[in-house]
């Protein structure tokens, strides 16, 4: 369980945040100089160098988005120029990708960050350039929303790359693409000119995920523990009925893959923030603000509490809450994580994602006057995670290592993660989503320490 330290604050962490961005810049430059796009998309490191893994190309935008976050934090023009030019040169294929559920990662991190930075006047955004970024985001949101499976009660979900039967917990963060496209006035046009609201699809996907991917301790099955998350939920596409939980990257359907848990924590916190920018009139046809916020908040609170309970004292989780050898790590919740334990790996990327969600959720609770004590606990938990991640042994201080945050895990069941000689578990490597989300977390906290405006994905202007 995460140990909360009331002495921590963004200002207290500022030296660590500034050091992180100092290290980060050299690593982004190294990847940009050495990466050959003909090899695919950089995904995770092996012996300190980023390599590809041809499963889905869902991480390219996180590289260019990392450069844009670096520019936001440091003001160094090279990172803006690199992120800007690479987005124009490389990201069109991702906007037009009908085959994935990852638009919120690739396209919001690039086109979205550029539009946000321009709106914040961090650089001079020409009118044609603004229109270009808006068009990309509009198309991305509509294309993502078209990847749709209808379930038996009339709602539906954005189905995963596995096919129409498959709902991934991860996809709740791709709702950002629908949110931005809706905010920019886009809808989806179906057969015979039928207009489909992207906000409606966002709300339906969020509610289906909350119902079937998140557990609430209400006896749904023999492993129903409040806050637990199923990585994948399977549906019968003939009649839209729910069948069972599943998992591709976790240990089992009835355990919790902690990165899937983190996506839920982060995704619902962000969407709760987004709803605050939507008018009551727009939400009335979807059941109303109160019902939508209640549904999202229920999922966010349950999973946040579960994350805090399951993580080690320093805020880092092991890769799955029921990993097969985890019982050998006695009293693991009451001591700091050990990435070199030789029994089961930790996942630092899950920690980076969850910390951002906890921070955003705390802010939402504060702003809406809900449960101040809980808000304080979530804020302190986020700071505890950041305090751990942004220092050794998690912060990558070797200049030759292209990763920023060490001890991430991609796909433990498939055995894709590099296991160093002499070890029985993967450790010492990074992944692009972990590095990107660590930079987002650091930027949120650095802007807070500098008393700069709060960073939200939907602050893109109209």
Protein backbone atom coordinates (compact mmCIF):
# COMPACT_ATOMS: atom_id res chain seq x y z
CA UNK A 1 0.00 0.00 0.00
CA UNK A 2 1.37 3.41 -0.94
CA UNK A 3 2.88 5.29 1.99
CA UNK A 4 1.69 8.90 1.95
CA UNK A 5 4.11 11.70 2.85
CA UNK A 6 2.44 15.03 3.58
CA UNK A 7 5.75 16.85 3.13
CA UNK A 8 5.73 16.16 -0.62
CA UNK A 9 4.55 18.83 -3.05
CA UNK A 10 5.30 19.80 -6.65
CA UNK A 11 7.62 22.51 -5.36
CA UNK A 12 9.44 19.95 -3.23
CA UNK A 13 9.90 17.75 -6.29
CA UNK A 14 10.96 20.56 -8.61
CA UNK A 15 14.70 19.67 -8.61
CA UNK A 16 13.81 16.11 -9.61
CA UNK A 17 11.44 17.34 -12.31
CA UNK A 18 14.06 19.64 -13.80
CA UNK A 19 16.68 16.89 -13.70
CA UNK A 20 14.27 14.53 -15.46
CA UNK A 21 13.82 16.93 -18.35
CA UNK A 22 17.56 17.52 -18.51
CA UNK A 23 18.09 13.78 -19.00
CA UNK A 24 15.05 13.45 -21.23
CA UNK A 25 16.26 15.83 -23.90
CA UNK A 26 19.42 13.85 -24.69
CA UNK A 27 17.44 10.62 -24.90
CA UNK A 28 14.91 12.03 -27.38
CA UNK A 29 17.75 13.38 -29.52
CA UNK A 30 19.49 10.00 -29.43
CA UNK A 31 16.40 8.16 -30.68
CA UNK A 32 15.76 10.79 -33.36
CA UNK A 33 19.33 10.52 -34.62
CA UNK A 34 19.60 6.73 -34.58
CA UNK A 35 16.09 5.49 -35.41
CA UNK A 36 15.40 4.23 -38.93
CA UNK A 37 11.65 4.48 -39.67
CA UNK A 38 12.01 1.58 -42.12
CA UNK A 39 12.40 -0.65 -39.05
CA UNK A 40 8.89 0.19 -37.80
CA UNK A 41 7.95 2.05 -34.66
CA UNK A 42 10.17 2.20 -31.55
CA UNK A 43 8.38 0.36 -28.75
CA UNK A 44 10.75 -0.69 -25.94
CA UNK A 45 14.45 -0.86 -25.23
CA UNK A 46 16.75 -3.87 -25.42
CA UNK A 47 20.14 -3.28 -23.82
CA UNK A 48 19.32 0.40 -23.69
CA UNK A 49 18.36 0.89 -27.35
CA UNK A 50 14.82 1.28 -28.65
CA UNK A 51 13.59 -1.54 -30.90
CA UNK A 52 10.33 -2.31 -32.69
CA UNK A 53 7.80 -5.05 -32.02
CA UNK A 54 5.40 -5.50 -34.90
CA UNK A 55 2.15 -6.05 -33.05
CA UNK A 56 0.41 -2.76 -33.72
CA UNK A 57 2.09 0.54 -34.56
CA UNK A 58 0.62 2.38 -31.59
CA UNK A 59 3.68 4.16 -30.20
CA UNK A 60 5.12 6.35 -32.96
CA UNK A 61 3.14 9.40 -31.89
CA UNK A 62 4.46 8.98 -28.35
CA UNK A 63 7.99 9.65 -29.62
CA UNK A 64 7.10 12.90 -31.38
CA UNK A 65 4.71 13.78 -28.55
CA UNK A 66 7.59 13.34 -26.10
CA UNK A 67 9.55 15.96 -28.03
CA UNK A 68 6.61 18.35 -27.79
CA UNK A 69 6.33 17.80 -24.03
CA UNK A 70 10.07 18.44 -23.79
CA UNK A 71 9.61 21.74 -25.61
CA UNK A 72 6.74 22.65 -23.29
CA UNK A 73 8.94 22.02 -20.24
CA UNK A 74 12.18 23.59 -21.47
CA UNK A 75 11.35 25.97 -24.33
CA UNK A 76 14.16 24.48 -26.47
CA UNK A 77 13.19 25.09 -30.12
CA UNK A 78 14.80 21.90 -31.47
CA UNK A 79 12.16 19.73 -29.79
CA UNK A 80 9.29 21.77 -31.23
CA UNK A 81 10.85 21.64 -34.70
CA UNK A 82 11.40 17.89 -34.48
CA UNK A 83 7.95 17.09 -33.10
CA UNK A 84 6.27 19.43 -35.55
CA UNK A 85 8.04 18.21 -38.68
CA UNK A 86 7.80 14.52 -37.73
CA UNK A 87 4.07 14.89 -37.09
CA UNK A 88 3.55 16.34 -40.56
CA UNK A 89 5.85 13.82 -42.26
CA UNK A 90 4.93 10.64 -40.40
CA UNK A 91 1.55 10.77 -38.69
CA UNK A 92 -0.98 10.89 -41.56
CA UNK A 93 -1.07 7.09 -41.71
CA UNK A 94 -2.10 7.00 -38.06
CA UNK A 95 -4.94 9.47 -38.61
CA UNK A 96 -6.31 7.21 -41.35
CA UNK A 97 -5.79 3.95 -39.42
CA UNK A 98 -9.12 2.10 -39.21
CA UNK A 99 -7.41 -1.00 -37.79
CA UNK A 100 -6.54 0.06 -34.25
CA UNK A 101 -8.05 1.37 -31.01
CA UNK A 102 -5.05 3.64 -30.34
CA UNK A 103 -5.93 7.05 -31.84
CA UNK A 104 -5.90 8.70 -28.43
CA UNK A 105 -2.27 7.73 -27.99
CA UNK A 106 -0.82 8.47 -31.43
CA UNK A 107 -2.80 11.48 -32.61
CA UNK A 108 -3.72 13.37 -29.46
CA UNK A 109 -0.06 13.19 -28.41
CA UNK A 110 1.04 14.85 -31.66
CA UNK A 111 -1.60 16.94 -33.40
CA UNK A 112 -3.33 17.53 -30.07
CA UNK A 113 -0.19 18.71 -28.30
CA UNK A 114 0.72 21.00 -31.20
CA UNK A 115 -2.72 22.59 -31.21
CA UNK A 116 -2.62 22.96 -27.43
CA UNK A 117 0.83 24.55 -27.47
CA UNK A 118 -0.25 26.96 -30.18
CA UNK A 119 -3.38 27.83 -28.25
CA UNK A 120 -1.22 28.53 -25.19
CA UNK A 121 0.95 30.80 -27.38
CA UNK A 122 4.05 28.71 -26.73
CA UNK A 123 4.83 29.18 -30.42
CA UNK A 124 3.31 31.13 -33.31
CA UNK A 125 0.66 28.95 -34.90
CA UNK A 126 -0.19 30.03 -38.44
CA UNK A 127 -3.90 29.90 -39.40
CA UNK A 128 -3.36 27.22 -42.06
CA UNK A 129 -1.36 25.16 -39.57
CA UNK A 130 -4.10 25.43 -36.95
CA UNK A 131 -6.65 24.26 -39.52
CA UNK A 132 -4.42 21.34 -40.48
CA UNK A 133 -4.10 20.11 -36.89
CA UNK A 134 -7.83 20.53 -36.34
CA UNK A 135 -8.66 18.55 -39.47
CA UNK A 136 -6.35 15.72 -38.39
CA UNK A 137 -7.97 15.57 -34.96
CA UNK A 138 -11.47 15.66 -36.43
CA UNK A 139 -10.72 12.79 -38.77
CA UNK A 140 -8.92 10.81 -36.08
CA UNK A 141 -11.89 11.01 -33.72
CA UNK A 142 -14.42 10.06 -36.38
CA UNK A 143 -12.32 7.15 -37.66
CA UNK A 144 -11.82 5.87 -34.11
CA UNK A 145 -15.55 6.10 -33.41
CA UNK A 146 -16.31 4.12 -36.57
CA UNK A 147 -14.60 1.08 -35.04
CA UNK A 148 -17.80 0.15 -33.23
CA UNK A 149 -19.54 -2.93 -31.84
CA UNK A 150 -23.13 -2.58 -30.73
CA UNK A 151 -24.19 -4.57 -27.65
CA UNK A 152 -27.58 -6.01 -26.79
CA UNK A 153 -28.96 -2.99 -24.90
CA UNK A 154 -28.17 -0.54 -27.73
CA UNK A 155 -24.93 0.86 -26.34
CA UNK A 156 -21.57 -0.07 -27.82
CA UNK A 157 -17.82 0.13 -27.61
CA UNK A 158 -14.72 0.86 -29.68
CA UNK A 159 -13.40 -2.61 -30.35
CA UNK A 160 -9.73 -3.51 -30.04
CA UNK A 161 -7.36 -4.53 -32.81
CA UNK A 162 -8.23 -8.15 -31.92
CA UNK A 163 -11.64 -7.79 -33.53
CA UNK A 164 -15.29 -6.81 -32.97
CA UNK A 165 -15.71 -9.18 -30.00
CA UNK A 166 -12.96 -7.52 -27.96
CA UNK A 167 -13.15 -4.53 -25.60
CA UNK A 168 -9.80 -3.46 -24.12
CA UNK A 169 -9.53 -1.50 -20.87
CA UNK A 170 -6.76 0.57 -22.54
CA UNK A 171 -9.20 2.13 -24.99
CA UNK A 172 -10.77 4.37 -22.38
CA UNK A 173 -7.79 6.69 -22.98
CA UNK A 174 -8.49 6.76 -26.71
CA UNK A 175 -11.76 8.48 -25.86
CA UNK A 176 -9.60 11.61 -25.92
CA UNK A 177 -9.71 11.46 -29.72
CA UNK A 178 -13.52 11.42 -29.72
CA UNK A 179 -13.61 14.21 -27.14
CA UNK A 180 -11.37 16.49 -29.20
CA UNK A 181 -13.17 15.78 -32.47
CA UNK A 182 -16.52 16.52 -30.84
CA UNK A 183 -15.15 19.69 -29.28
CA UNK A 184 -14.01 20.74 -32.76
CA UNK A 185 -17.51 20.20 -34.15
CA UNK A 186 -17.06 16.83 -35.83
CA UNK A 187 -19.55 13.97 -36.05
CA UNK A 188 -19.47 10.58 -37.75
CA UNK A 189 -21.48 10.15 -40.94
CA UNK A 190 -22.91 6.67 -41.50
CA UNK A 191 -25.06 5.14 -44.26
CA UNK A 192 -27.66 7.37 -45.87
CA UNK A 193 -26.13 10.44 -44.29
CA UNK A 194 -27.02 9.43 -40.71
CA UNK A 195 -25.17 11.62 -38.22
CA UNK A 196 -23.67 9.93 -35.18
CA UNK A 197 -22.61 11.99 -32.19
CA UNK A 198 -19.01 11.39 -31.11
CA UNK A 199 -19.96 12.55 -27.63
CA UNK A 200 -22.64 9.87 -27.51
CA UNK A 201 -20.16 7.20 -28.57
CA UNK A 202 -17.71 8.46 -25.97
CA UNK A 203 -20.37 8.18 -23.27
CA UNK A 204 -21.47 4.72 -24.39
CA UNK A 205 -17.93 3.35 -24.55
CA UNK A 206 -17.17 4.80 -21.13
CA UNK A 207 -20.29 3.25 -19.61
CA UNK A 208 -19.75 -0.18 -21.19
CA UNK A 209 -16.12 -0.21 -20.00
CA UNK A 210 -17.17 0.87 -16.51
CA UNK A 211 -19.76 -1.89 -16.35
CA UNK A 212 -17.83 -4.82 -17.82
CA UNK A 213 -14.12 -4.02 -17.33
CA UNK A 214 -14.25 -2.72 -13.76
CA UNK A 215 -15.31 -4.71 -10.70
CA UNK A 216 -17.11 -3.23 -7.70
CA UNK A 217 -17.20 -6.04 -5.12
CA UNK A 218 -20.84 -6.84 -5.81
CA UNK A 219 -20.61 -10.59 -6.44
CA UNK A 220 -20.29 -10.52 -10.21
CA UNK A 221 -18.09 -13.63 -10.07
CA UNK A 222 -15.98 -15.54 -7.56
CA UNK A 223 -13.08 -13.06 -7.98
CA UNK A 224 -15.11 -9.85 -7.72
CA UNK A 225 -12.94 -7.46 -5.71
CA UNK A 226 -13.75 -3.75 -5.78
CA UNK A 227 -11.40 -1.90 -8.13
CA UNK A 228 -10.08 -4.95 -9.96
CA UNK A 229 -9.91 -4.57 -13.76
CA UNK A 230 -10.25 -7.08 -16.59
CA UNK A 231 -7.84 -6.25 -19.38
CA UNK A 232 -10.25 -7.54 -22.05
CA UNK A 233 -14.02 -8.11 -22.10
CA UNK A 234 -15.46 -10.49 -24.69
CA UNK A 235 -18.86 -10.16 -26.37
CA UNK A 236 -20.91 -12.38 -28.67
CA UNK A 237 -21.09 -10.30 -31.84
CA UNK A 238 -24.15 -12.18 -33.10
CA UNK A 239 -26.44 -10.81 -30.40
CA UNK A 240 -24.25 -8.31 -28.53
CA UNK A 241 -24.30 -10.23 -25.24
CA UNK A 242 -21.41 -10.15 -22.78
CA UNK A 243 -19.58 -13.46 -22.43
CA UNK A 244 -16.57 -13.29 -20.10
CA UNK A 245 -13.42 -11.45 -19.00
CA UNK A 246 -10.15 -12.14 -20.74
CA UNK A 247 -6.56 -10.92 -20.80
CA UNK A 248 -3.82 -10.76 -23.38
CA UNK A 249 -1.07 -9.05 -21.40
CA UNK A 250 -2.07 -9.97 -17.85
CA UNK A 251 -1.64 -13.27 -16.05
CA UNK A 252 -5.29 -14.33 -16.21
CA UNK A 253 -8.82 -13.03 -16.81
CA UNK A 254 -9.42 -13.15 -13.05
CA UNK A 255 -6.36 -11.21 -11.97
CA UNK A 256 -5.52 -7.57 -12.62
CA UNK A 257 -2.87 -6.57 -15.13
CA UNK A 258 -1.68 -3.39 -13.46
CA UNK A 259 -1.16 -1.37 -16.62
CA UNK A 260 -4.77 -2.05 -17.59
CA UNK A 261 -5.72 -0.84 -14.11
CA UNK A 262 -3.64 2.30 -14.65
CA UNK A 263 -5.29 3.05 -18.01
CA UNK A 264 -8.68 2.99 -16.29
CA UNK A 265 -7.51 5.29 -13.47
CA UNK A 266 -6.03 7.79 -15.92
CA UNK A 267 -8.72 7.57 -18.60
CA UNK A 268 -11.72 8.22 -16.39
CA UNK A 269 -9.97 11.04 -14.54
CA UNK A 270 -9.27 12.76 -17.86
CA UNK A 271 -12.80 12.26 -19.14
CA UNK A 272 -14.26 13.66 -15.93
CA UNK A 273 -12.17 16.77 -16.56
CA UNK A 274 -13.40 16.88 -20.15
CA UNK A 275 -17.06 16.66 -19.11
CA UNK A 276 -16.59 19.86 -17.12
CA UNK A 277 -16.00 21.65 -20.43
CA UNK A 278 -19.21 20.30 -22.01
CA UNK A 279 -22.51 22.15 -21.61
CA UNK A 280 -25.43 20.67 -19.70
CA UNK A 281 -27.53 20.87 -22.87
CA UNK A 282 -25.13 18.56 -24.72
CA UNK A 283 -25.24 16.02 -21.90
CA UNK A 284 -28.99 16.06 -21.31
CA UNK A 285 -29.65 13.68 -24.21
CA UNK A 286 -27.10 11.23 -22.78
CA UNK A 287 -28.73 10.91 -19.38
CA UNK A 288 -27.46 14.15 -17.95
CA UNK A 289 -24.26 15.35 -16.30
CA UNK A 290 -25.01 13.82 -12.91
CA UNK A 291 -25.50 10.30 -14.31
CA UNK A 292 -22.37 10.45 -16.50
CA UNK A 293 -20.18 11.85 -13.75
CA UNK A 294 -21.52 9.28 -11.28
CA UNK A 295 -20.69 6.41 -13.67
CA UNK A 296 -17.18 7.65 -14.42
CA UNK A 297 -16.43 8.63 -10.84
CA UNK A 298 -17.53 5.25 -9.54
CA UNK A 299 -15.03 3.51 -11.83
CA UNK A 300 -12.27 6.04 -11.12
CA UNK A 301 -12.64 5.83 -7.33
CA UNK A 302 -12.80 2.04 -7.21
CA UNK A 303 -9.71 1.57 -9.38
CA UNK A 304 -7.74 4.34 -7.70
CA UNK A 305 -8.37 2.84 -4.27
CA UNK A 306 -7.38 -0.60 -5.56
CA UNK A 307 -4.18 0.73 -7.13
CA UNK A 308 -3.14 2.44 -3.89
CA UNK A 309 -3.85 -0.76 -1.94
CA UNK A 310 -2.02 -3.10 -4.34
CA UNK A 311 1.11 -1.05 -5.08
CA UNK A 312 4.27 -1.25 -3.03
CA UNK A 313 4.89 1.44 -0.42
CA UNK A 314 6.82 3.57 -2.91
CA UNK A 315 3.92 3.50 -5.41
CA UNK A 316 5.29 1.02 -7.97
CA UNK A 317 3.16 -2.03 -8.78
CA UNK A 318 4.22 -5.49 -9.84
CA UNK A 319 3.06 -6.33 -13.36
CA UNK A 320 -0.03 -8.31 -12.29
CA UNK A 321 -1.72 -8.46 -8.89
CA UNK A 322 -1.85 -12.29 -9.03
CA UNK A 323 1.33 -13.04 -10.97
CA UNK A 324 2.20 -16.72 -10.45
CA UNK A 325 5.21 -16.24 -8.16
CA UNK A 326 4.08 -13.08 -6.39
CA UNK A 327 3.31 -14.91 -3.16
CA UNK A 328 7.03 -15.51 -2.76
CA UNK A 329 7.53 -11.76 -2.35
CA UNK A 330 6.32 -11.77 1.22
CA UNK A 331 4.85 -8.57 2.60
CA UNK A 332 5.37 -6.91 -0.81
CA UNK A 333 2.72 -4.24 -0.16
CA UNK A 334 4.39 -3.06 3.04
CA UNK A 335 7.83 -2.33 1.67
CA UNK A 336 9.39 -0.57 -1.30
CA UNK A 337 9.34 -2.22 -4.71
CA UNK A 338 12.35 -4.23 -5.82
CA UNK A 339 12.86 -4.31 -9.60
CA UNK A 340 15.79 -6.73 -9.16
CA UNK A 341 13.91 -9.27 -7.02
CA UNK A 342 14.38 -12.21 -9.42
CA UNK A 343 10.80 -13.47 -8.89
CA UNK A 344 8.28 -11.18 -10.61
CA UNK A 345 8.90 -7.92 -12.50
CA UNK A 346 7.50 -4.54 -11.57
CA UNK A 347 5.95 -2.25 -14.20
CA UNK A 348 7.12 1.35 -13.91
CA UNK A 349 4.99 2.36 -16.91
CA UNK A 350 1.83 1.46 -15.00
CA UNK A 351 3.00 3.70 -12.18
CA UNK A 352 3.58 6.70 -14.48
CA UNK A 353 0.11 6.32 -16.01
CA UNK A 354 -1.69 5.81 -12.69
CA UNK A 355 0.04 8.75 -11.00
CA UNK A 356 -1.26 11.15 -13.62
CA UNK A 357 -4.76 9.76 -13.16
CA UNK A 358 -4.57 10.08 -9.38
CA UNK A 359 -3.42 13.70 -9.66
CA UNK A 360 -6.19 14.61 -12.09
CA UNK A 361 -8.83 12.81 -10.04
CA UNK A 362 -7.74 14.64 -6.88
CA UNK A 363 -8.07 17.93 -8.69
CA UNK A 364 -11.54 16.99 -9.98
CA UNK A 365 -12.67 16.07 -6.46
CA UNK A 366 -11.31 19.37 -5.11
CA UNK A 367 -12.88 21.45 -7.85
CA UNK A 368 -16.30 19.86 -7.40
CA UNK A 369 -16.18 19.91 -3.59
CA UNK A 370 -16.31 16.13 -3.25
CA UNK A 371 -14.52 14.24 -0.45
CA UNK A 372 -11.54 16.51 0.43
CA UNK A 373 -9.82 13.78 2.46
CA UNK A 374 -9.88 11.38 -0.47
CA UNK A 375 -8.64 14.08 -2.82
CA UNK A 376 -5.69 14.71 -0.52
CA UNK A 377 -4.89 10.99 -0.38
CA UNK A 378 -4.89 10.71 -4.18
CA UNK A 379 -2.72 13.80 -4.54
CA UNK A 380 -0.18 12.47 -2.07
CA UNK A 381 -0.21 9.05 -3.72
CA UNK A 382 0.56 10.67 -7.09
CA UNK A 383 3.44 12.61 -5.55
CA UNK A 384 4.78 9.48 -3.85
CA UNK A 385 4.86 7.69 -7.20
CA UNK A 386 6.57 10.64 -8.89
CA UNK A 387 9.10 10.87 -6.07
CA UNK A 388 10.04 7.22 -6.70
CA UNK A 389 9.97 7.23 -10.50
CA UNK A 390 12.03 10.38 -10.87
CA UNK A 391 15.01 9.01 -8.96
CA UNK A 392 17.27 5.98 -9.23
CA UNK A 393 16.84 3.06 -9.64
CA UNK A 394 13.86 4.03 -11.84
CA UNK A 395 15.21 7.18 -13.47
CA UNK A 396 17.63 6.28 -16.27
CA UNK A 397 20.72 8.41 -15.70
CA UNK A 398 23.05 6.70 -18.17
CA UNK A 399 23.49 8.89 -21.22
CA UNK A 400 23.90 5.87 -23.48
CA UNK A 401 20.52 4.40 -22.44
CA UNK A 402 17.73 5.74 -24.67
CA UNK A 403 15.01 5.02 -22.12
CA UNK A 404 13.95 7.53 -19.49
CA UNK A 405 12.15 5.39 -16.90
CA UNK A 406 13.58 1.93 -16.22
CA UNK A 407 11.95 -1.38 -15.25
CA UNK A 408 8.94 -1.30 -17.56
CA UNK A 409 7.20 -4.43 -18.87
CA UNK A 410 5.44 -4.76 -22.21
CA UNK A 411 4.13 -8.29 -22.71
CA UNK A 412 5.13 -10.72 -19.99
CA UNK A 413 3.01 -13.67 -21.26
CA UNK A 414 4.60 -13.45 -24.73
CA UNK A 415 8.09 -13.12 -23.30
CA UNK A 416 8.89 -10.03 -25.35
CA UNK A 417 10.72 -8.16 -22.60
CA UNK A 418 14.50 -8.41 -22.41
CA UNK A 419 15.83 -10.53 -19.55
CA UNK A 420 19.45 -9.60 -18.74
CA UNK A 421 22.03 -12.39 -18.50
CA UNK A 422 22.02 -13.91 -15.03
CA UNK A 423 18.47 -12.74 -14.27
CA UNK A 424 15.21 -14.67 -14.34
CA UNK A 425 12.95 -11.64 -14.91
CA UNK A 426 13.04 -8.58 -17.18
CA UNK A 427 14.36 -5.38 -15.66
CA UNK A 428 16.48 -2.38 -16.57
CA UNK A 429 14.58 -1.46 -19.76
CA UNK A 430 12.11 1.21 -20.80
CA UNK A 431 9.07 1.53 -23.04
CA UNK A 432 7.84 4.47 -25.09
CA UNK A 433 4.44 4.78 -23.36
CA UNK A 434 6.09 4.70 -19.94
CA UNK A 435 8.57 7.40 -20.96
CA UNK A 436 5.84 9.52 -22.56
CA UNK A 437 3.52 9.33 -19.56
CA UNK A 438 6.37 10.02 -17.16
CA UNK A 439 7.03 13.20 -19.14
CA UNK A 440 3.34 14.12 -19.01
CA UNK A 441 3.29 13.55 -15.26
CA UNK A 442 6.46 15.57 -14.80
CA UNK A 443 5.08 18.38 -16.95
CA UNK A 444 1.84 18.55 -14.95
CA UNK A 445 3.80 18.82 -11.71
CA UNK A 446 6.41 21.22 -13.11
CA UNK A 447 3.72 23.58 -14.40
CA UNK A 448 2.12 23.42 -10.96
CA UNK A 449 5.44 24.23 -9.28
CA UNK A 450 5.95 27.14 -11.68
CA UNK A 451 2.35 28.32 -11.13
CA UNK A 452 1.63 27.92 -14.83
CA UNK A 453 -1.80 26.98 -16.26
CA UNK A 454 -3.03 23.47 -15.63
CA UNK A 455 -2.35 21.03 -18.49
CA UNK A 456 -5.40 19.32 -20.05
CA UNK A 457 -5.58 17.46 -23.35
CA UNK A 458 -8.71 19.31 -24.51
CA UNK A 459 -7.32 22.86 -24.19
CA UNK A 460 -6.96 23.28 -27.93
CA UNK A 461 -9.07 26.34 -28.75
CA UNK A 462 -11.83 26.33 -31.33
